[in-house]
């Protein structure tokens, strides 16, 4: 957000210093992305294994959380719902005639 503001402000007011700062920051971000891409490419086996382990841990944690939430929800629903028939309500359909 700050980068966009610097670029916009530098372009509108034609301030060379801000435009130079904007260009330098964009160049540093581009170099960082290229470096990260190269490192990930050459370490793809380690990254793949690490990502798989992270996914497995998250999946296990998510399943245990879902199980506990389902169990708690089922317990609370079973405790709060009254399934008894209310005899005071007349269920006849022919009352409208």
PDB file of N, CA and C in Angstrom:
ATOM      1  N   UNK A   1       0.827  -1.168   0.000  1.00  0.00           N
ATOM      2  CA  UNK A   1       0.000   0.000   0.000  1.00  0.00           C
ATOM      3  C   UNK A   1       0.889   1.256   0.000  1.00  0.00           C
ATOM      4  N   UNK A   2       1.906   1.203   0.831  1.00  0.00           N
ATOM      5  CA  UNK A   2       2.840   2.325   0.896  1.00  0.00           C
ATOM      6  C   UNK A   2       3.576   2.483  -0.434  1.00  0.00           C
ATOM      7  N   UNK A   3       3.890   1.346  -1.062  1.00  0.00           N
ATOM      8  CA  UNK A   3       4.593   1.399  -2.350  1.00  0.00           C
ATOM      9  C   UNK A   3       3.731   2.092  -3.404  1.00  0.00           C
ATOM     10  N   UNK A   4       2.470   1.731  -3.455  1.00  0.00           N
ATOM     11  CA  UNK A   4       1.570   2.358  -4.416  1.00  0.00           C
ATOM     12  C   UNK A   4       1.416   3.844  -4.154  1.00  0.00           C
ATOM     13  N   UNK A   5       1.347   4.211  -2.887  1.00  0.00           N
ATOM     14  CA  UNK A   5       1.230   5.629  -2.527  1.00  0.00           C
ATOM     15  C   UNK A   5       2.471   6.399  -2.952  1.00  0.00           C
ATOM     16  N   UNK A   6       3.662   5.822  -2.716  1.00  0.00           N
ATOM     17  CA  UNK A   6       4.904   6.494  -3.126  1.00  0.00           C
ATOM     18  C   UNK A   6       4.962   6.671  -4.635  1.00  0.00           C
ATOM     19  N   UNK A   7       4.586   5.637  -5.368  1.00  0.00           N
ATOM     20  CA  UNK A   7       4.606   5.725  -6.828  1.00  0.00           C
ATOM     21  C   UNK A   7       3.623   6.744  -7.357  1.00  0.00           C
ATOM     22  N   UNK A   8       2.426   6.730  -6.794  1.00  0.00           N
ATOM     23  CA  UNK A   8       1.392   7.670  -7.238  1.00  0.00           C
ATOM     24  C   UNK A   8       1.780   9.111  -6.907  1.00  0.00           C
ATOM     25  N   UNK A   9       2.247   9.317  -5.692  1.00  0.00           N
ATOM     26  CA  UNK A   9       2.645  10.653  -5.270  1.00  0.00           C
ATOM     27  C   UNK A   9       3.820  11.166  -6.093  1.00  0.00           C
ATOM     28  N   UNK A  10       4.771  10.289  -6.358  1.00  0.00           N
ATOM     29  CA  UNK A  10       5.923  10.685  -7.167  1.00  0.00           C
ATOM     30  C   UNK A  10       5.541  11.006  -8.594  1.00  0.00           C
ATOM     31  N   UNK A  11       4.582  10.259  -9.152  1.00  0.00           N
ATOM     32  CA  UNK A  11       4.174  10.506 -10.539  1.00  0.00           C
ATOM     33  C   UNK A  11       3.334  11.771 -10.658  1.00  0.00           C
ATOM     34  N   UNK A  12       2.420  11.981  -9.698  1.00  0.00           N
ATOM     35  CA  UNK A  12       1.536  13.145  -9.776  1.00  0.00           C
ATOM     36  C   UNK A  12       2.321  14.447  -9.585  1.00  0.00           C
ATOM     37  N   UNK A  13       3.210  14.445  -8.597  1.00  0.00           N
ATOM     38  CA  UNK A  13       3.971  15.670  -8.298  1.00  0.00           C
ATOM     39  C   UNK A  13       5.292  15.744  -9.055  1.00  0.00           C
ATOM     40  N   UNK A  14       5.578  14.737  -9.848  1.00  0.00           N
ATOM     41  CA  UNK A  14       6.813  14.656 -10.630  1.00  0.00           C
ATOM     42  C   UNK A  14       8.048  14.838  -9.759  1.00  0.00           C
ATOM     43  N   UNK A  15       8.076  14.101  -8.638  1.00  0.00           N
ATOM     44  CA  UNK A  15       9.206  14.147  -7.722  1.00  0.00           C
ATOM     45  C   UNK A  15      10.139  12.988  -8.082  1.00  0.00           C
ATOM     46  N   UNK A  16      11.335  13.349  -8.557  1.00  0.00           N
ATOM     47  CA  UNK A  16      12.277  12.317  -9.013  1.00  0.00           C
ATOM     48  C   UNK A  16      12.721  11.411  -7.874  1.00  0.00           C
ATOM     49  N   UNK A  17      12.881  11.961  -6.694  1.00  0.00           N
ATOM     50  CA  UNK A  17      13.348  11.180  -5.552  1.00  0.00           C
ATOM     51  C   UNK A  17      12.344  10.074  -5.210  1.00  0.00           C
ATOM     52  N   UNK A  18      11.052  10.400  -5.173  1.00  0.00           N
ATOM     53  CA  UNK A  18      10.031   9.401  -4.871  1.00  0.00           C
ATOM     54  C   UNK A  18       9.916   8.355  -5.971  1.00  0.00           C
ATOM     55  N   UNK A  19      10.024   8.793  -7.210  1.00  0.00           N
ATOM     56  CA  UNK A  19       9.978   7.831  -8.310  1.00  0.00           C
ATOM     57  C   UNK A  19      11.190   6.906  -8.282  1.00  0.00           C
ATOM     58  N   UNK A  20      12.354   7.447  -7.950  1.00  0.00           N
ATOM     59  CA  UNK A  20      13.550   6.619  -7.823  1.00  0.00           C
ATOM     60  C   UNK A  20      13.421   5.629  -6.679  1.00  0.00           C
ATOM     61  N   UNK A  21      12.863   6.068  -5.560  1.00  0.00           N
ATOM     62  CA  UNK A  21      12.641   5.179  -4.420  1.00  0.00           C
ATOM     63  C   UNK A  21      11.641   4.084  -4.777  1.00  0.00           C
ATOM     64  N   UNK A  22      10.586   4.471  -5.491  1.00  0.00           N
ATOM     65  CA  UNK A  22       9.566   3.511  -5.924  1.00  0.00           C
ATOM     66  C   UNK A  22      10.190   2.469  -6.845  1.00  0.00           C
ATOM     67  N   UNK A  23      10.962   2.915  -7.820  1.00  0.00           N
ATOM     68  CA  UNK A  23      11.604   1.996  -8.757  1.00  0.00           C
ATOM     69  C   UNK A  23      12.585   1.073  -8.032  1.00  0.00           C
ATOM     70  N   UNK A  24      13.361   1.611  -7.100  1.00  0.00           N
ATOM     71  CA  UNK A  24      14.329   0.810  -6.351  1.00  0.00           C
ATOM     72  C   UNK A  24      13.631  -0.265  -5.526  1.00  0.00           C
ATOM     73  N   UNK A  25      12.545   0.111  -4.858  1.00  0.00           N
ATOM     74  CA  UNK A  25      11.799  -0.881  -4.061  1.00  0.00           C
ATOM     75  C   UNK A  25      11.197  -1.963  -4.947  1.00  0.00           C
ATOM     76  N   UNK A  26      10.646  -1.566  -6.091  1.00  0.00           N
ATOM     77  CA  UNK A  26      10.104  -2.569  -7.020  1.00  0.00           C
ATOM     78  C   UNK A  26      11.195  -3.503  -7.527  1.00  0.00           C
ATOM     79  N   UNK A  27      12.369  -2.954  -7.795  1.00  0.00           N
ATOM     80  CA  UNK A  27      13.488  -3.772  -8.258  1.00  0.00           C
ATOM     81  C   UNK A  27      13.930  -4.752  -7.179  1.00  0.00           C
ATOM     82  N   UNK A  28      13.981  -4.303  -5.915  1.00  0.00           N
ATOM     83  CA  UNK A  28      14.345  -5.194  -4.807  1.00  0.00           C
ATOM     84  C   UNK A  28      13.314  -6.309  -4.621  1.00  0.00           C
ATOM     85  N   UNK A  29      12.047  -5.979  -4.766  1.00  0.00           N
ATOM     86  CA  UNK A  29      11.001  -7.005  -4.650  1.00  0.00           C
ATOM     87  C   UNK A  29      11.128  -8.020  -5.779  1.00  0.00           C
ATOM     88  N   UNK A  30      11.401  -7.549  -6.991  1.00  0.00           N
ATOM     89  CA  UNK A  30      11.580  -8.453  -8.127  1.00  0.00           C
ATOM     90  C   UNK A  30      12.777  -9.376  -7.914  1.00  0.00           C
ATOM     91  N   UNK A  31      13.888  -8.839  -7.441  1.00  0.00           N
ATOM     92  CA  UNK A  31      15.084  -9.652  -7.176  1.00  0.00           C
ATOM     93  C   UNK A  31      14.793 -10.682  -6.085  1.00  0.00           C
ATOM     94  N   UNK A  32      14.063 -10.288  -5.053  1.00  0.00           N
ATOM     95  CA  UNK A  32      13.716 -11.221  -3.979  1.00  0.00           C
ATOM     96  C   UNK A  32      12.826 -12.348  -4.495  1.00  0.00           C
ATOM     97  N   UNK A  33      11.876 -12.026  -5.375  1.00  0.00           N
ATOM     98  CA  UNK A  33      11.002 -13.058  -5.929  1.00  0.00           C
ATOM     99  C   UNK A  33      11.769 -14.024  -6.826  1.00  0.00           C
ATOM    100  N   UNK A  34      12.656 -13.503  -7.632  1.00  0.00           N
ATOM    101  CA  UNK A  34      13.466 -14.370  -8.498  1.00  0.00           C
ATOM    102  C   UNK A  34      14.366 -15.268  -7.658  1.00  0.00           C
ATOM    103  N   UNK A  35      14.987 -14.699  -6.622  1.00  0.00           N
ATOM    104  CA  UNK A  35      15.847 -15.493  -5.737  1.00  0.00           C
ATOM    105  C   UNK A  35      15.048 -16.581  -5.029  1.00  0.00           C
ATOM    106  N   UNK A  36      13.865 -16.246  -4.530  1.00  0.00           N
ATOM    107  CA  UNK A  36      13.025 -17.243  -3.864  1.00  0.00           C
ATOM    108  C   UNK A  36      12.614 -18.336  -4.836  1.00  0.00           C
ATOM    109  N   UNK A  37      12.269 -17.965  -6.067  1.00  0.00           N
ATOM    110  CA  UNK A  37      11.905 -18.964  -7.081  1.00  0.00           C
ATOM    111  C   UNK A  37      13.054 -19.902  -7.396  1.00  0.00           C
ATOM    112  N   UNK A  38      14.257 -19.373  -7.523  1.00  0.00           N
ATOM    113  CA  UNK A  38      15.433 -20.211  -7.801  1.00  0.00           C
ATOM    114  C   UNK A  38      15.722 -21.143  -6.637  1.00  0.00           C
ATOM    115  N   UNK A  39      15.670 -20.619  -5.410  1.00  0.00           N
ATOM    116  CA  UNK A  39      15.910 -21.464  -4.233  1.00  0.00           C
ATOM    117  C   UNK A  39      14.864 -22.569  -4.109  1.00  0.00           C
ATOM    118  N   UNK A  40      13.618 -22.237  -4.346  1.00  0.00           N
ATOM    119  CA  UNK A  40      12.562 -23.251  -4.269  1.00  0.00           C
ATOM    120  C   UNK A  40      12.739 -24.291  -5.372  1.00  0.00           C
ATOM    121  N   UNK A  41      13.150 -23.856  -6.568  1.00  0.00           N
ATOM    122  CA  UNK A  41      13.357 -24.801  -7.665  1.00  0.00           C
ATOM    123  C   UNK A  41      14.460 -25.806  -7.335  1.00  0.00           C
ATOM    124  N   UNK A  42      15.564 -25.335  -6.798  1.00  0.00           N
ATOM    125  CA  UNK A  42      16.674 -26.233  -6.508  1.00  0.00           C
ATOM    126  C   UNK A  42      16.460 -27.045  -5.230  1.00  0.00           C
ATOM    127  N   UNK A  43      15.599 -26.595  -4.364  1.00  0.00           N
ATOM    128  CA  UNK A  43      15.302 -27.331  -3.131  1.00  0.00           C
ATOM    129  C   UNK A  43      13.883 -27.901  -3.163  1.00  0.00           C
ATOM    130  N   UNK A  44      13.387 -28.210  -4.354  1.00  0.00           N
ATOM    131  CA  UNK A  44      11.990 -28.617  -4.485  1.00  0.00           C
ATOM    132  C   UNK A  44      11.655 -29.906  -3.746  1.00  0.00           C
ATOM    133  N   UNK A  45      12.596 -30.833  -3.623  1.00  0.00           N
ATOM    134  CA  UNK A  45      12.321 -32.067  -2.882  1.00  0.00           C
ATOM    135  C   UNK A  45      12.110 -31.773  -1.401  1.00  0.00           C
ATOM    136  N   UNK A  46      12.985 -30.963  -0.829  1.00  0.00           N
ATOM    137  CA  UNK A  46      12.850 -30.604   0.584  1.00  0.00           C
ATOM    138  C   UNK A  46      11.599 -29.765   0.815  1.00  0.00           C
ATOM    139  N   UNK A  47      11.316 -28.848  -0.100  1.00  0.00           N
ATOM    140  CA  UNK A  47      10.121 -28.009   0.032  1.00  0.00           C
ATOM    141  C   UNK A  47       8.867 -28.855  -0.098  1.00  0.00           C
ATOM    142  N   UNK A  48       8.874 -29.799  -1.028  1.00  0.00           N
ATOM    143  CA  UNK A  48       7.723 -30.669  -1.222  1.00  0.00           C
ATOM    144  C   UNK A  48       7.466 -31.525   0.013  1.00  0.00           C
ATOM    145  N   UNK A  49       8.524 -32.090   0.563  1.00  0.00           N
ATOM    146  CA  UNK A  49       8.379 -32.920   1.759  1.00  0.00           C
ATOM    147  C   UNK A  49       7.917 -32.077   2.950  1.00  0.00           C
ATOM    148  N   UNK A  50       8.472 -30.909   3.104  1.00  0.00           N
ATOM    149  CA  UNK A  50       8.074 -30.024   4.194  1.00  0.00           C
ATOM    150  C   UNK A  50       6.617 -29.585   4.040  1.00  0.00           C
ATOM    151  N   UNK A  51       6.217 -29.250   2.823  1.00  0.00           N
ATOM    152  CA  UNK A  51       4.831 -28.843   2.581  1.00  0.00           C
ATOM    153  C   UNK A  51       3.876 -30.003   2.849  1.00  0.00           C
ATOM    154  N   UNK A  52       4.279 -31.218   2.463  1.00  0.00           N
ATOM    155  CA  UNK A  52       3.435 -32.382   2.712  1.00  0.00           C
ATOM    156  C   UNK A  52       3.272 -32.625   4.211  1.00  0.00           C
ATOM    157  N   UNK A  53       4.356 -32.505   4.965  1.00  0.00           N
ATOM    158  CA  UNK A  53       4.273 -32.692   6.420  1.00  0.00           C
ATOM    159  C   UNK A  53       3.398 -31.617   7.059  1.00  0.00           C
ATOM    160  N   UNK A  54       3.534 -30.386   6.609  1.00  0.00           N
ATOM    161  CA  UNK A  54       2.705 -29.302   7.133  1.00  0.00           C
ATOM    162  C   UNK A  54       1.238 -29.558   6.830  1.00  0.00           C
ATOM    163  N   UNK A  55       0.939 -29.991   5.597  1.00  0.00           N
ATOM    164  CA  UNK A  55      -0.441 -30.295   5.217  1.00  0.00           C
ATOM    165  C   UNK A  55      -0.986 -31.442   6.059  1.00  0.00           C
ATOM    166  N   UNK A  56      -0.184 -32.472   6.285  1.00  0.00           N
ATOM    167  CA  UNK A  56      -0.638 -33.606   7.095  1.00  0.00           C
ATOM    168  C   UNK A  56      -0.937 -33.174   8.527  1.00  0.00           C
ATOM    169  N   UNK A  57      -0.096 -32.321   9.094  1.00  0.00           N
ATOM    170  CA  UNK A  57      -0.342 -31.830  10.456  1.00  0.00           C
ATOM    171  C   UNK A  57      -1.610 -30.992  10.516  1.00  0.00           C
ATOM    172  N   UNK A  58      -1.790 -30.111   9.536  1.00  0.00           N
ATOM    173  CA  UNK A  58      -2.992 -29.275   9.510  1.00  0.00           C
ATOM    174  C   UNK A  58      -4.246 -30.112   9.306  1.00  0.00           C
ATOM    175  N   UNK A  59      -4.169 -31.119   8.460  1.00  0.00           N
ATOM    176  CA  UNK A  59      -5.311 -31.988   8.197  1.00  0.00           C
ATOM    177  C   UNK A  59      -5.680 -32.771   9.448  1.00  0.00           C
ATOM    178  N   UNK A  60      -4.675 -33.284  10.162  1.00  0.00           N
ATOM    179  CA  UNK A  60      -4.923 -34.027  11.396  1.00  0.00           C
ATOM    180  C   UNK A  60      -5.537 -33.111  12.454  1.00  0.00           C
ATOM    181  N   UNK A  61      -4.986 -31.917  12.591  1.00  0.00           N
ATOM    182  CA  UNK A  61      -5.516 -30.962  13.568  1.00  0.00           C
ATOM    183  C   UNK A  61      -6.940 -30.551  13.207  1.00  0.00           C
ATOM    184  N   UNK A  62      -7.199 -30.373  11.912  1.00  0.00           N
ATOM    185  CA  UNK A  62      -8.536 -29.989  11.461  1.00  0.00           C
ATOM    186  C   UNK A  62      -9.538 -31.105  11.730  1.00  0.00           C
ATOM    187  N   UNK A  63      -9.145 -32.335  11.471  1.00  0.00           N
ATOM    188  CA  UNK A  63     -10.051 -33.460  11.725  1.00  0.00           C
ATOM    189  C   UNK A  63     -10.366 -33.600  13.200  1.00  0.00           C
ATOM    190  N   UNK A  64      -9.364 -33.463  14.061  1.00  0.00           N
ATOM    191  CA  UNK A  64      -9.622 -33.587  15.489  1.00  0.00           C
ATOM    192  C   UNK A  64     -10.486 -32.435  15.982  1.00  0.00           C
ATOM    193  N   UNK A  65     -10.287 -31.244  15.435  1.00  0.00           N
ATOM    194  CA  UNK A  65     -11.114 -30.100  15.803  1.00  0.00           C
ATOM    195  C   UNK A  65     -12.551 -30.309  15.333  1.00  0.00           C
ATOM    196  N   UNK A  66     -12.707 -30.794  14.093  1.00  0.00           N
ATOM    197  CA  UNK A  66     -14.051 -31.049  13.576  1.00  0.00           C
ATOM    198  C   UNK A  66     -14.760 -32.115  14.393  1.00  0.00           C
ATOM    199  N   UNK A  67     -14.051 -33.164  14.788  1.00  0.00           N
ATOM    200  CA  UNK A  67     -14.650 -34.216  15.600  1.00  0.00           C
ATOM    201  C   UNK A  67     -15.113 -33.675  16.945  1.00  0.00           C
ATOM    202  N   UNK A  68     -14.293 -32.837  17.575  1.00  0.00           N
ATOM    203  CA  UNK A  68     -14.672 -32.301  18.883  1.00  0.00           C
ATOM    204  C   UNK A  68     -15.844 -31.325  18.751  1.00  0.00           C
ATOM    205  N   UNK A  69     -15.857 -30.530  17.671  1.00  0.00           N
ATOM    206  CA  UNK A  69     -16.975 -29.607  17.457  1.00  0.00           C
ATOM    207  C   UNK A  69     -18.252 -30.381  17.173  1.00  0.00           C
ATOM    208  N   UNK A  70     -18.167 -31.419  16.337  1.00  0.00           N
ATOM    209  CA  UNK A  70     -19.340 -32.239  16.043  1.00  0.00           C
ATOM    210  C   UNK A  70     -19.873 -32.904  17.299  1.00  0.00           C
ATOM    211  N   UNK A  71     -18.972 -33.423  18.110  1.00  0.00           N
ATOM    212  CA  UNK A  71     -19.392 -34.079  19.348  1.00  0.00           C
ATOM    213  C   UNK A  71     -20.061 -33.075  20.288  1.00  0.00           C
ATOM    214  N   UNK A  72     -19.481 -31.906  20.428  1.00  0.00           N
ATOM    215  CA  UNK A  72     -20.056 -30.875  21.296  1.00  0.00           C
ATOM    216  C   UNK A  72     -21.399 -30.391  20.768  1.00  0.00           C
ATOM    217  N   UNK A  73     -21.494 -30.231  19.452  1.00  0.00           N
ATOM    218  CA  UNK A  73     -22.739 -29.772  18.847  1.00  0.00           C
ATOM    219  C   UNK A  73     -23.833 -30.816  19.027  1.00  0.00           C
ATOM    220  N   UNK A  74     -23.502 -32.081  18.811  1.00  0.00           N
ATOM    221  CA  UNK A  74     -24.496 -33.138  18.987  1.00  0.00           C
ATOM    222  C   UNK A  74     -24.957 -33.212  20.436  1.00  0.00           C
ATOM    223  N   UNK A  75     -24.042 -33.077  21.378  1.00  0.00           N
ATOM    224  CA  UNK A  75     -24.417 -33.113  22.789  1.00  0.00           C
ATOM    225  C   UNK A  75     -25.332 -31.945  23.141  1.00  0.00           C
ATOM    226  N   UNK A  76     -24.996 -30.749  22.643  1.00  0.00           N
ATOM    227  CA  UNK A  76     -25.815 -29.590  22.991  1.00  0.00           C
ATOM    228  C   UNK A  76     -27.180 -29.656  22.324  1.00  0.00           C
ATOM    229  N   UNK A  77     -27.257 -30.181  21.095  1.00  0.00           N
ATOM    230  CA  UNK A  77     -28.552 -30.316  20.438  1.00  0.00           C
ATOM    231  C   UNK A  77     -29.419 -31.347  21.137  1.00  0.00           C
ATOM    232  N   UNK A  78     -28.826 -32.447  21.539  1.00  0.00           N
ATOM    233  CA  UNK A  78     -29.596 -33.486  22.217  1.00  0.00           C
ATOM    234  C   UNK A  78     -30.080 -33.022  23.582  1.00  0.00           C
ATOM    235  N   UNK A  79     -29.331 -32.159  24.220  1.00  0.00           N
ATOM    236  CA  UNK A  79     -29.720 -31.688  25.547  1.00  0.00           C
ATOM    237  C   UNK A  79     -30.791 -30.608  25.483  1.00  0.00           C
ATOM    238  N   UNK A  80     -30.811 -29.796  24.424  1.00  0.00           N
ATOM    239  CA  UNK A  80     -31.686 -28.631  24.428  1.00  0.00           C
ATOM    240  C   UNK A  80     -32.997 -28.831  23.677  1.00  0.00           C
ATOM    241  N   UNK A  81     -33.132 -29.860  22.868  1.00  0.00           N
ATOM    242  CA  UNK A  81     -34.336 -30.042  22.074  1.00  0.00           C
ATOM    243  C   UNK A  81     -35.297 -30.953  22.815  1.00  0.00           C
ATOM    244  N   UNK A  82     -36.530 -30.504  22.933  1.00  0.00           N
ATOM    245  CA  UNK A  82     -37.566 -31.300  23.575  1.00  0.00           C
ATOM    246  C   UNK A  82     -38.391 -31.957  22.480  1.00  0.00           C
ATOM    247  N   UNK A  83     -38.306 -33.267  22.386  1.00  0.00           N
ATOM    248  CA  UNK A  83     -38.998 -34.003  21.337  1.00  0.00           C
ATOM    249  C   UNK A  83     -40.379 -34.494  21.779  1.00  0.00           C
ATOM    250  N   UNK A  84     -40.838 -34.086  22.920  1.00  0.00           N
ATOM    251  CA  UNK A  84     -42.144 -34.549  23.388  1.00  0.00           C
ATOM    252  C   UNK A  84     -43.256 -33.846  22.616  1.00  0.00           C
ATOM    253  N   UNK A  85     -44.388 -34.511  22.505  1.00  0.00           N
ATOM    254  CA  UNK A  85     -45.535 -33.968  21.780  1.00  0.00           C
ATOM    255  C   UNK A  85     -46.319 -33.071  22.718  1.00  0.00           C
ATOM    256  N   UNK A  86     -46.635 -31.889  22.230  1.00  0.00           N
ATOM    257  CA  UNK A  86     -47.406 -30.953  23.027  1.00  0.00           C
ATOM    258  C   UNK A  86     -48.891 -31.237  22.794  1.00  0.00           C
ATOM    259  N   UNK A  87     -49.596 -31.692  23.813  1.00  0.00           N
ATOM    260  CA  UNK A  87     -50.993 -32.090  23.678  1.00  0.00           C
ATOM    261  C   UNK A  87     -51.936 -30.902  23.630  1.00  0.00           C
ATOM    262  N   UNK A  88     -51.487 -29.733  23.976  1.00  0.00           N
ATOM    263  CA  UNK A  88     -52.386 -28.581  24.004  1.00  0.00           C
ATOM    264  C   UNK A  88     -52.625 -27.997  22.621  1.00  0.00           C
ATOM    265  N   UNK A  89     -51.847 -28.392  21.629  1.00  0.00           N
ATOM    266  CA  UNK A  89     -51.994 -27.872  20.270  1.00  0.00           C
ATOM    267  C   UNK A  89     -52.929 -28.788  19.512  1.00  0.00           C
ATOM    268  N   UNK A  90     -53.946 -28.217  18.882  1.00  0.00           N
ATOM    269  CA  UNK A  90     -54.888 -28.985  18.094  1.00  0.00           C
ATOM    270  C   UNK A  90     -54.347 -29.099  16.680  1.00  0.00           C
ATOM    271  N   UNK A  91     -54.096 -30.294  16.193  1.00  0.00           N
ATOM    272  CA  UNK A  91     -53.495 -30.519  14.900  1.00  0.00           C
ATOM    273  C   UNK A  91     -54.517 -30.842  13.831  1.00  0.00           C
ATOM    274  N   UNK A  92     -55.762 -30.544  14.040  1.00  0.00           N
ATOM    275  CA  UNK A  92     -56.770 -30.887  13.057  1.00  0.00           C
ATOM    276  C   UNK A  92     -56.742 -29.906  11.883  1.00  0.00           C
ATOM    277  N   UNK A  93     -56.955 -30.406  10.689  1.00  0.00           N
ATOM    278  CA  UNK A  93     -56.890 -29.615   9.489  1.00  0.00           C
ATOM    279  C   UNK A  93     -58.264 -29.045   9.133  1.00  0.00           C
ATOM    280  N   UNK A  94     -59.306 -29.657   9.574  1.00  0.00           N
ATOM    281  CA  UNK A  94     -60.661 -29.275   9.159  1.00  0.00           C
ATOM    282  C   UNK A  94     -61.217 -28.093   9.936  1.00  0.00           C
ATOM    283  N   UNK A  95     -60.491 -27.416  10.756  1.00  0.00           N
ATOM    284  CA  UNK A  95     -60.971 -26.284  11.516  1.00  0.00           C
ATOM    285  C   UNK A  95     -61.265 -25.062  10.635  1.00  0.00           C
ATOM    286  N   UNK A  96     -60.668 -25.006   9.460  1.00  0.00           N
ATOM    287  CA  UNK A  96     -60.809 -23.832   8.586  1.00  0.00           C
ATOM    288  C   UNK A  96     -62.132 -23.828   7.839  1.00  0.00           C
ATOM    289  N   UNK A  97     -62.864 -24.899   7.819  1.00  0.00           N
ATOM    290  CA  UNK A  97     -64.096 -24.982   7.024  1.00  0.00           C
ATOM    291  C   UNK A  97     -65.255 -24.305   7.641  1.00  0.00           C
TER     292      UNK A  97
END
